[in-house]
Protein backbone atom coordinates (compact mmCIF):
# COMPACT_ATOMS: atom_id res chain seq x y z
CA UNK A 1 -0.03 0.03 -0.05
CA UNK A 2 1.35 3.48 -0.80
CA UNK A 3 0.07 5.32 2.14
CA UNK A 4 0.09 4.56 5.80
CA UNK A 5 -3.11 5.99 7.28
CA UNK A 6 -2.05 6.67 11.01
CA UNK A 7 -5.70 7.63 12.36
CA UNK A 8 -6.77 4.23 11.23
CA UNK A 9 -3.63 2.28 12.35
CA UNK A 10 -3.59 4.17 15.69
CA UNK A 11 -6.73 4.88 17.31
CA UNK A 12 -5.22 6.11 20.05
CA UNK A 13 -4.89 9.47 18.50
CA UNK A 14 -8.38 10.28 18.99
CA UNK A 15 -7.86 10.22 22.76
CA UNK A 16 -4.83 12.32 22.93
CA UNK A 17 -5.41 15.72 24.43
CA UNK A 18 -3.57 19.01 25.41
CA UNK A 19 -0.91 18.43 22.50
CA UNK A 20 -0.75 20.62 19.51
CA UNK A 21 -0.67 19.06 16.06
CA UNK A 22 2.67 20.02 15.07
CA UNK A 23 4.09 18.16 18.27
CA UNK A 24 2.14 15.09 17.24
CA UNK A 25 3.42 15.29 13.78
CA UNK A 26 7.05 15.74 15.02
CA UNK A 27 6.76 12.54 17.17
CA UNK A 28 5.25 10.48 14.58
CA UNK A 29 8.20 11.39 12.03
CA UNK A 30 10.70 10.51 14.85
CA UNK A 31 9.06 6.98 15.24
CA UNK A 32 9.29 6.05 11.67
CA UNK A 33 12.63 7.48 11.23
CA UNK A 34 13.73 5.21 14.15
CA UNK A 35 12.14 2.38 12.27
CA UNK A 36 14.17 3.35 9.18
CA UNK A 37 17.58 3.36 10.70
CA UNK A 38 16.98 -0.09 12.37
CA UNK A 39 16.03 -1.52 8.89
CA UNK A 40 18.48 0.50 6.64
CA UNK A 41 21.07 1.66 9.07
CA UNK A 42 20.37 5.47 8.35
CA UNK A 43 17.78 7.62 7.71
CA UNK A 44 19.61 10.63 5.95
CA UNK A 45 18.54 9.65 2.40
CA UNK A 46 15.00 9.26 3.59
CA UNK A 47 12.00 11.56 3.55
CA UNK A 48 9.17 11.27 5.80
CA UNK A 49 5.98 13.13 4.85
CA UNK A 50 3.20 13.47 7.22
CA UNK A 51 -0.16 14.85 6.16
CA UNK A 52 -1.46 16.66 8.97
CA UNK A 53 -5.00 16.75 7.81
CA UNK A 54 -5.97 13.21 7.36
CA UNK A 55 -3.08 11.34 9.18
CA UNK A 56 -1.45 10.05 5.96
CA UNK A 57 2.28 9.39 5.96
CA UNK A 58 4.42 8.57 2.80
CA UNK A 59 8.41 7.63 3.27
CA UNK A 60 10.61 8.14 0.26
CA UNK A 61 14.18 6.72 0.05
CA UNK A 62 16.75 7.79 -2.22
CA UNK A 63 19.92 6.05 -3.47
CA UNK A 64 22.74 6.89 -5.86
CA UNK A 65 22.77 4.83 -9.04
CA UNK A 66 26.21 3.27 -9.37
CA UNK A 67 27.87 1.17 -12.16
CA UNK A 68 27.31 -2.56 -11.63
CA UNK A 69 29.85 -4.14 -9.29
CA UNK A 70 30.85 -0.73 -7.91
CA UNK A 71 28.24 -0.31 -5.23
CA UNK A 72 30.04 -0.02 -1.70
CA UNK A 73 26.72 0.48 0.44
CA UNK A 74 23.34 -0.92 -0.48
CA UNK A 75 21.51 1.42 1.98
CA UNK A 76 22.79 4.43 0.12
CA UNK A 77 23.62 3.07 -3.40
CA UNK A 78 21.89 0.91 -5.92
CA UNK A 79 23.57 -0.91 -8.99
CA UNK A 80 22.57 0.46 -12.53
CA UNK A 81 21.09 -3.27 -13.46
CA UNK A 82 18.82 -3.21 -10.49
CA UNK A 83 17.74 0.41 -11.05
CA UNK A 84 16.86 -0.40 -14.55
CA UNK A 85 14.25 -3.00 -13.44
CA UNK A 86 12.43 -0.12 -12.19
CA UNK A 87 13.30 2.59 -14.43
CA UNK A 88 15.42 1.62 -17.58
CA UNK A 89 15.98 5.36 -18.19
CA UNK A 90 18.03 5.85 -15.13
CA UNK A 91 21.81 6.58 -15.67
CA UNK A 92 24.85 6.29 -13.73
CA UNK A 93 24.78 9.17 -10.98
CA UNK A 94 21.27 9.87 -10.86
CA UNK A 95 19.18 9.54 -7.88
CA UNK A 96 16.82 6.48 -7.49
CA UNK A 97 13.87 7.50 -5.53
CA UNK A 98 11.49 4.66 -4.17
CA UNK A 99 8.49 4.69 -1.75
CA UNK A 100 8.77 2.68 1.47
CA UNK A 101 5.45 0.90 2.37
CA UNK A 102 4.43 -0.30 5.77
CA UNK A 103 4.67 -4.01 4.76
CA UNK A 104 8.35 -3.20 4.15
CA UNK A 105 9.19 -2.99 7.94
CA UNK A 106 7.28 -6.34 8.75
CA UNK A 107 4.53 -6.90 11.62
CA UNK A 108 6.69 -6.92 14.66
CA UNK A 109 8.54 -3.58 13.86
CA UNK A 110 5.09 -1.99 13.17
CA UNK A 111 3.70 -3.20 16.57
CA UNK A 112 6.91 -1.88 18.18
CA UNK A 113 6.35 1.47 16.30
CA UNK A 114 2.97 1.62 17.49
CA UNK A 115 3.87 0.85 21.35
CA UNK A 116 6.63 3.44 20.94
CA UNK A 117 4.32 6.16 19.23
CA UNK A 118 1.50 5.73 22.29
CA UNK A 119 4.07 5.85 24.98
CA UNK A 120 5.83 9.12 23.63
CA UNK A 121 2.57 10.80 22.91
CA UNK A 122 1.61 9.92 26.65
CA UNK A 123 5.02 11.44 27.92
CA UNK A 124 4.21 14.56 26.01
CA UNK A 125 0.55 14.92 27.17
CA UNK A 126 1.81 14.41 30.99
CA UNK A 127 4.47 17.15 30.23
CA UNK A 128 1.89 19.29 28.81
CA UNK A 129 -0.56 18.96 31.62
CA UNK A 130 2.30 19.51 33.90
CA UNK A 131 3.28 22.75 32.09
CA UNK A 132 -0.45 24.10 31.74
CA UNK A 133 -0.87 23.56 35.48
CA UNK A 134 2.43 24.89 36.52
CA UNK A 135 1.27 28.27 35.00
CA UNK A 136 -2.04 28.21 36.79
CA UNK A 137 -0.47 28.13 40.35
CA UNK A 138 -2.49 30.34 42.33
CA UNK A 139 -5.64 30.55 40.07
CA UNK A 140 -9.10 28.98 41.06
CA UNK A 141 -10.17 25.86 39.21
CA UNK A 142 -13.67 24.00 39.17
CA UNK A 143 -13.81 20.21 39.05
CA UNK A 144 -16.18 17.18 39.98
CA UNK A 145 -15.34 14.95 42.58
CA UNK A 146 -14.44 11.65 41.29
CA UNK A 147 -13.33 9.38 44.15
CA UNK A 148 -13.23 10.39 48.21
CA UNK A 149 -10.70 8.75 50.19
CA UNK A 150 -9.60 8.98 53.84
CA UNK A 151 -6.82 11.54 53.30
CA UNK A 152 -7.47 13.25 49.96
CA UNK A 153 -10.15 13.51 47.30
CA UNK A 154 -9.80 12.90 43.77
CA UNK A 155 -11.31 15.74 41.49
CA UNK A 156 -11.29 15.87 37.75
CA UNK A 157 -11.42 19.12 36.01
CA UNK A 158 -13.46 19.63 32.45
CA UNK A 159 -10.83 17.64 30.27
CA UNK A 160 -10.50 14.86 32.84
CA UNK A 161 -7.21 15.51 34.45
CA UNK A 162 -6.73 14.36 37.96
CA UNK A 163 -6.62 17.22 40.55
CA UNK A 164 -5.68 16.07 44.40
CA UNK A 165 -7.55 17.76 47.31
CA UNK A 166 -5.69 16.54 50.45
CA UNK A 167 -7.60 16.61 53.60
CA UNK A 168 -5.33 19.09 55.18
CA UNK A 169 -6.28 21.72 52.34
CA UNK A 170 -10.05 21.08 52.79
CA UNK A 171 -12.16 23.36 55.14
CA UNK A 172 -13.24 21.47 58.28
CA UNK A 173 -16.65 21.53 57.42
CA UNK A 174 -16.20 20.38 53.99
CA UNK A 175 -17.94 17.19 53.08
CA UNK A 176 -17.88 15.64 49.37
CA UNK A 177 -19.33 12.76 47.68
CA UNK A 178 -18.92 11.61 44.12
CA UNK A 179 -20.46 13.98 41.49
CA UNK A 180 -20.16 16.98 43.83
CA UNK A 181 -18.74 20.28 42.28
CA UNK A 182 -15.59 21.70 43.86
CA UNK A 183 -13.61 24.98 43.85
CA UNK A 184 -10.32 25.51 44.88
CA UNK A 185 -6.89 27.08 44.04
CA UNK A 186 -4.15 25.26 42.35
CA UNK A 187 -1.47 25.05 45.19
CA UNK A 188 1.28 23.26 43.68
CA UNK A 189 2.14 21.06 40.71
CA UNK A 190 4.90 18.39 41.03
CA UNK A 191 6.28 15.58 38.64
CA UNK A 192 6.13 12.21 40.43
CA UNK A 193 7.48 9.20 38.60
CA UNK A 194 6.86 11.12 35.15
CA UNK A 195 3.14 11.75 36.31
CA UNK A 196 2.01 15.09 36.98
CA UNK A 197 0.63 15.72 40.64
CA UNK A 198 -1.59 18.53 41.09
CA UNK A 199 -2.43 19.70 44.58
CA UNK A 200 -5.53 22.09 45.09
CA UNK A 201 -6.40 23.86 48.11
CA UNK A 202 -9.40 25.60 49.94
CA UNK A 203 -7.51 26.80 53.02
CA UNK A 204 -4.69 28.63 51.06
CA UNK A 205 -5.10 32.54 51.39
CA UNK A 206 -4.83 32.50 47.66
CA UNK A 207 -8.15 30.91 47.43
CA UNK A 208 -9.78 33.49 49.59
CA UNK A 209 -8.00 36.24 47.59
CA UNK A 210 -9.46 34.92 44.17
CA UNK A 211 -12.81 34.86 45.47
CA UNK A 212 -12.70 38.45 46.37
CA UNK A 213 -11.22 39.13 42.95
CA UNK A 214 -14.37 37.41 41.54
CA UNK A 215 -16.67 39.09 43.78
CA UNK A 216 -15.36 42.52 43.98
CA UNK A 217 -15.01 44.41 40.55
CA UNK A 218 -12.68 47.10 42.01
CA UNK A 219 -10.27 44.49 43.25
CA UNK A 220 -10.01 42.71 39.87
CA UNK A 221 -9.66 46.13 38.14
CA UNK A 222 -6.72 47.31 40.58
CA UNK A 223 -8.52 50.11 42.38
CA UNK A 224 -8.38 48.23 45.54
CA UNK A 225 -5.36 46.13 46.54
CA UNK A 226 -5.34 43.17 49.10
CA UNK A 227 -2.47 43.72 51.09
CA UNK A 228 -2.57 40.71 53.05
CA UNK A 229 -4.65 37.74 54.40
CA UNK A 230 -4.60 35.42 57.06
CA UNK A 231 -6.81 32.65 57.86
CA UNK A 232 -7.94 30.06 60.32
CA UNK A 233 -9.95 27.74 57.68
CA UNK A 234 -13.71 27.55 58.50
CA UNK A 235 -13.30 29.79 61.54
CA UNK A 236 -11.92 33.38 60.82
CA UNK A 237 -10.15 35.26 58.41
CA UNK A 238 -8.69 38.76 58.42
CA UNK A 239 -8.34 40.63 54.90
CA UNK A 240 -6.44 44.09 55.03
CA UNK A 241 -7.27 46.01 51.88
CA UNK A 242 -6.21 49.45 50.40
CA UNK A 243 -7.76 51.87 47.95
CA UNK A 244 -5.85 53.83 45.48
CA UNK A 245 -8.82 56.34 45.04
CA UNK A 246 -10.00 58.36 47.70
CA UNK A 247 -13.55 58.18 46.59
CA UNK A 248 -13.59 54.43 47.19
CA UNK A 249 -14.37 52.92 50.54
CA UNK A 250 -12.35 49.78 50.28
CA UNK A 251 -13.96 47.96 53.29
CA UNK A 252 -17.42 48.97 51.98
CA UNK A 253 -16.68 47.90 48.39
CA UNK A 254 -15.37 44.29 49.59
CA UNK A 255 -18.26 43.85 52.00
CA UNK A 256 -21.07 45.43 49.43
CA UNK A 257 -24.60 46.51 50.15
CA UNK A 258 -25.87 44.97 53.18
CA UNK A 259 -23.20 42.40 52.60
CA UNK A 260 -24.17 41.36 49.33
CA UNK A 261 -20.66 40.69 48.28
CA UNK A 262 -18.88 38.95 51.09
CA UNK A 263 -22.03 36.71 51.59
CA UNK A 264 -21.15 34.60 48.51
CA UNK A 265 -17.29 34.27 49.87
CA UNK A 266 -18.73 33.38 53.20
CA UNK A 267 -20.93 30.59 51.87
CA UNK A 268 -18.18 29.30 49.83
CA UNK A 269 -15.78 29.13 53.05
CA UNK A 270 -18.59 27.19 55.07
CA UNK A 271 -19.46 30.27 57.11
CA UNK A 272 -15.86 31.48 57.69
CA UNK A 273 -16.12 34.69 59.50
CA UNK A 274 -14.16 37.47 57.46
CA UNK A 275 -13.31 40.56 58.71
CA UNK A 276 -12.34 43.21 56.05
CA UNK A 277 -9.78 45.83 57.64
CA UNK A 278 -8.56 49.22 55.94
CA UNK A 279 -4.84 48.93 55.76
CA UNK A 280 -2.52 51.58 57.33
CA UNK A 281 1.05 52.25 57.77
CA UNK A 282 0.20 53.64 61.46
CA UNK A 283 1.07 50.28 63.39
CA UNK A 284 -1.02 51.34 66.47
CA UNK A 285 -4.12 51.98 64.39
CA UNK A 286 -3.52 48.93 62.42
CA UNK A 287 -3.40 46.77 65.50
CA UNK A 288 -6.60 48.44 66.78
CA UNK A 289 -8.28 47.65 63.62
CA UNK A 290 -6.77 44.06 63.37
CA UNK A 291 -8.36 43.40 66.93
CA UNK A 292 -11.81 44.26 65.88
CA UNK A 293 -14.76 44.09 67.20
CA UNK A 294 -12.61 44.56 70.61
CA UNK A 295 -12.51 48.32 71.66
CA UNK A 296 -8.75 48.99 72.78
CA UNK A 297 -8.29 51.49 75.55
CA UNK A 298 -4.38 51.91 75.57
CA UNK A 299 -1.68 50.51 73.41
CA UNK A 300 2.11 50.48 73.79
CA UNK A 301 4.35 49.27 71.12
CA UNK A 302 7.83 47.69 71.21
CA UNK A 303 8.70 48.42 67.56
CA UNK A 304 12.40 46.88 68.01
CA UNK A 305 10.84 43.56 69.14
CA UNK A 306 7.90 43.74 67.34
CA UNK A 307 5.51 43.32 70.34
CA UNK A 308 2.29 45.40 71.31
CA UNK A 309 0.70 45.72 74.68
CA UNK A 310 -2.93 46.04 74.55
CA UNK A 311 -4.99 47.39 77.31
CA UNK A 312 -8.84 46.96 77.34
CA UNK A 313 -11.80 47.08 79.56
CA UNK A 314 -12.62 43.55 81.26
CA UNK A 315 -15.61 43.19 78.99
CA UNK A 316 -13.67 43.49 75.77
CA UNK A 317 -10.95 40.96 76.65
CA UNK A 318 -12.95 38.01 75.32
CA UNK A 319 -13.77 39.75 72.14
CA UNK A 320 -10.06 40.72 71.49
CA UNK A 321 -9.11 37.04 72.24
CA UNK A 322 -11.97 35.40 70.32
CA UNK A 323 -13.43 32.02 70.23
CA UNK A 324 -10.55 29.55 70.46
CA UNK A 325 -8.23 32.64 70.58
CA UNK A 326 -8.43 33.02 66.77
CA UNK A 327 -9.11 36.83 66.79
CA UNK A 328 -5.67 37.43 68.49
CA UNK A 329 -3.75 35.06 66.63
CA UNK A 330 -4.89 36.50 63.29
CA UNK A 331 -4.63 40.03 64.26
CA UNK A 332 -0.84 39.29 65.36
CA UNK A 333 -0.24 37.47 62.13
CA UNK A 334 -1.74 40.20 59.98
CA UNK A 335 0.21 43.12 61.63
CA UNK A 336 3.54 41.35 62.27
CA UNK A 337 3.46 42.03 66.06
CA UNK A 338 3.29 39.78 69.02
CA UNK A 339 0.20 41.16 70.80
CA UNK A 340 -0.09 40.96 74.67
CA UNK A 341 -3.59 41.64 76.01
CA UNK A 342 -4.11 43.09 79.37
CA UNK A 343 -7.21 43.84 81.44
CA UNK A 344 -7.84 47.32 82.98
CA UNK A 345 -9.12 46.59 86.27
CA UNK A 346 -12.11 48.64 87.78
CA UNK A 347 -11.12 50.64 90.76
CA UNK A 348 -13.54 48.62 93.13
CA UNK A 349 -12.57 45.34 91.56
CA UNK A 350 -10.62 43.29 94.03
CA UNK A 351 -8.24 41.21 91.83
CA UNK A 352 -4.71 40.08 92.20
CA UNK A 353 -2.20 40.15 89.36
CA UNK A 354 -0.88 36.60 88.27
CA UNK A 355 2.67 37.55 88.89
CA UNK A 356 1.88 37.83 92.59
CA UNK A 357 1.52 33.83 92.41
CA UNK A 358 4.92 33.40 90.81
CA UNK A 359 6.09 31.73 94.20
CA UNK A 360 3.33 28.76 93.70
CA UNK A 361 2.95 29.00 89.76
CA UNK A 362 5.89 28.55 87.20
CA UNK A 363 6.64 31.56 85.27
CA UNK A 364 5.99 29.92 81.75
CA UNK A 365 2.69 28.95 83.04
CA UNK A 366 1.81 32.58 84.02
CA UNK A 367 3.31 33.57 80.71
CA UNK A 368 1.11 31.32 78.83
CA UNK A 369 -2.04 32.82 80.76
CA UNK A 370 -0.87 36.21 79.75
CA UNK A 371 -0.33 35.41 76.28
CA UNK A 372 -4.00 35.21 75.81
CA UNK A 373 -4.85 38.01 77.74
CA UNK A 374 -5.49 36.45 81.26
CA UNK A 375 -3.12 38.45 83.66
CA UNK A 376 -5.19 38.38 86.69
CA UNK A 377 -6.67 35.80 89.03
CA UNK A 378 -10.21 36.56 88.55
CA UNK A 379 -9.76 36.72 84.72
CA UNK A 380 -8.63 33.05 84.88
CA UNK A 381 -11.41 31.91 87.49
CA UNK A 382 -14.30 33.35 85.46
CA UNK A 383 -13.36 30.44 82.69
CA UNK A 384 -14.14 26.98 82.65
CA UNK A 385 -11.27 24.39 82.67
CA UNK A 386 -12.34 23.38 78.97
CA UNK A 387 -12.06 27.01 77.82
CA UNK A 388 -8.66 27.41 79.51
CA UNK A 389 -7.33 24.37 77.90
CA UNK A 390 -8.57 25.36 74.61
CA UNK A 391 -7.25 28.68 74.66
CA UNK A 392 -3.88 27.81 76.03
CA UNK A 393 -1.37 25.10 75.39
CA UNK A 394 -1.69 23.96 78.92
CA UNK A 395 -2.46 20.39 80.07
CA UNK A 396 -5.98 19.72 81.68
CA UNK A 397 -4.16 18.96 84.93
CA UNK A 398 -2.06 21.95 85.03
CA UNK A 399 -4.98 24.39 84.39
CA UNK A 400 -7.01 22.63 87.38
CA UNK A 401 -3.88 22.92 89.59
CA UNK A 402 -3.71 26.69 88.61
CA UNK A 403 -7.45 27.14 89.46
CA UNK A 404 -7.07 25.42 93.08
CA UNK A 405 -4.26 27.69 93.72
CA UNK A 406 -6.21 30.91 92.77
CA UNK A 407 -9.38 30.21 94.29
CA UNK A 408 -7.52 29.51 97.65
CA UNK A 409 -6.68 33.33 97.50
CA UNK A 410 -10.28 34.37 97.52
CA UNK A 411 -11.52 31.82 100.36
């Protein structure tokens, strides 16, 4: 047969995706040149012509006509008598051009070529997927849940590419079953044993930033800039924003009329509490805004050590700390300051500073209580054992021992 129809011969071609046609043609040509080299020793005198429209391929081999008995290399030369069997008009020195058909190579060589071709194209496809997603790191992707495992969820994009959503990159309230739609951000892309491994995330700050860009046109257009995002996924997030146009209120634009813009983001993040804060270079004001909704009475900064001593009325301390200590922890991450919270005692409030118990309670334990704004005996006694263990990094037994010592003071 004169033509080799590759589309018919290699049905896998129909399944190849993400690879441009010139690249596929180049692979085809190289596979057949490899076959030519194995059979004839060289491919320098062969032309491989691929028709990109219908998949046809032709191979033409050129040899120089030599006088009978003077041919030294049958792969590059042909004797005149043999050439005249095909074309009687040929003379010594002419080019003898013949077409090589598929049958010339034999069944075994063709099967090997088929396997090589499929392998090479699949390799190229994997490389192309890797490059494609490497360029999309930080972008939002949407996919469909294909399989749910204990430690990760397999998601397929609209082209059937596999994306992995590890449990650690899921919001605690996330629950998926096969067929569910998932939105996440591309976190990282690695090559594992020649297979692209694409990790997506719903807990990364970039995911929240992209959601804001989708919901707030002023951010997408560059009129408002997100300066920094910190998150406790599923619990709380703080977003510092700044406007380059004095006529635009960045916080109001992000929240929207009656919260219209931020509601969609909150729902996507399983009711994560999002504080949008107006960024400022004034560290004191920035910390006050970051500790919202708590109202600060006094603040003292140590810029050298990046520490801030914040004084609040007793009823504001719990607001500053937040449930599970999330508010103060995120405020510290957002501003870059280690924030220490202190209660301002009322004049008629008989209380005792925790430092007074340093002979009975280890200093590191006192520091741990002070770190979460509990600097007096009564501020500690007001909370349950469970709440104290949750806010601090202390053991249950340690907390109970401290409470026993403090209660004895007021008995």
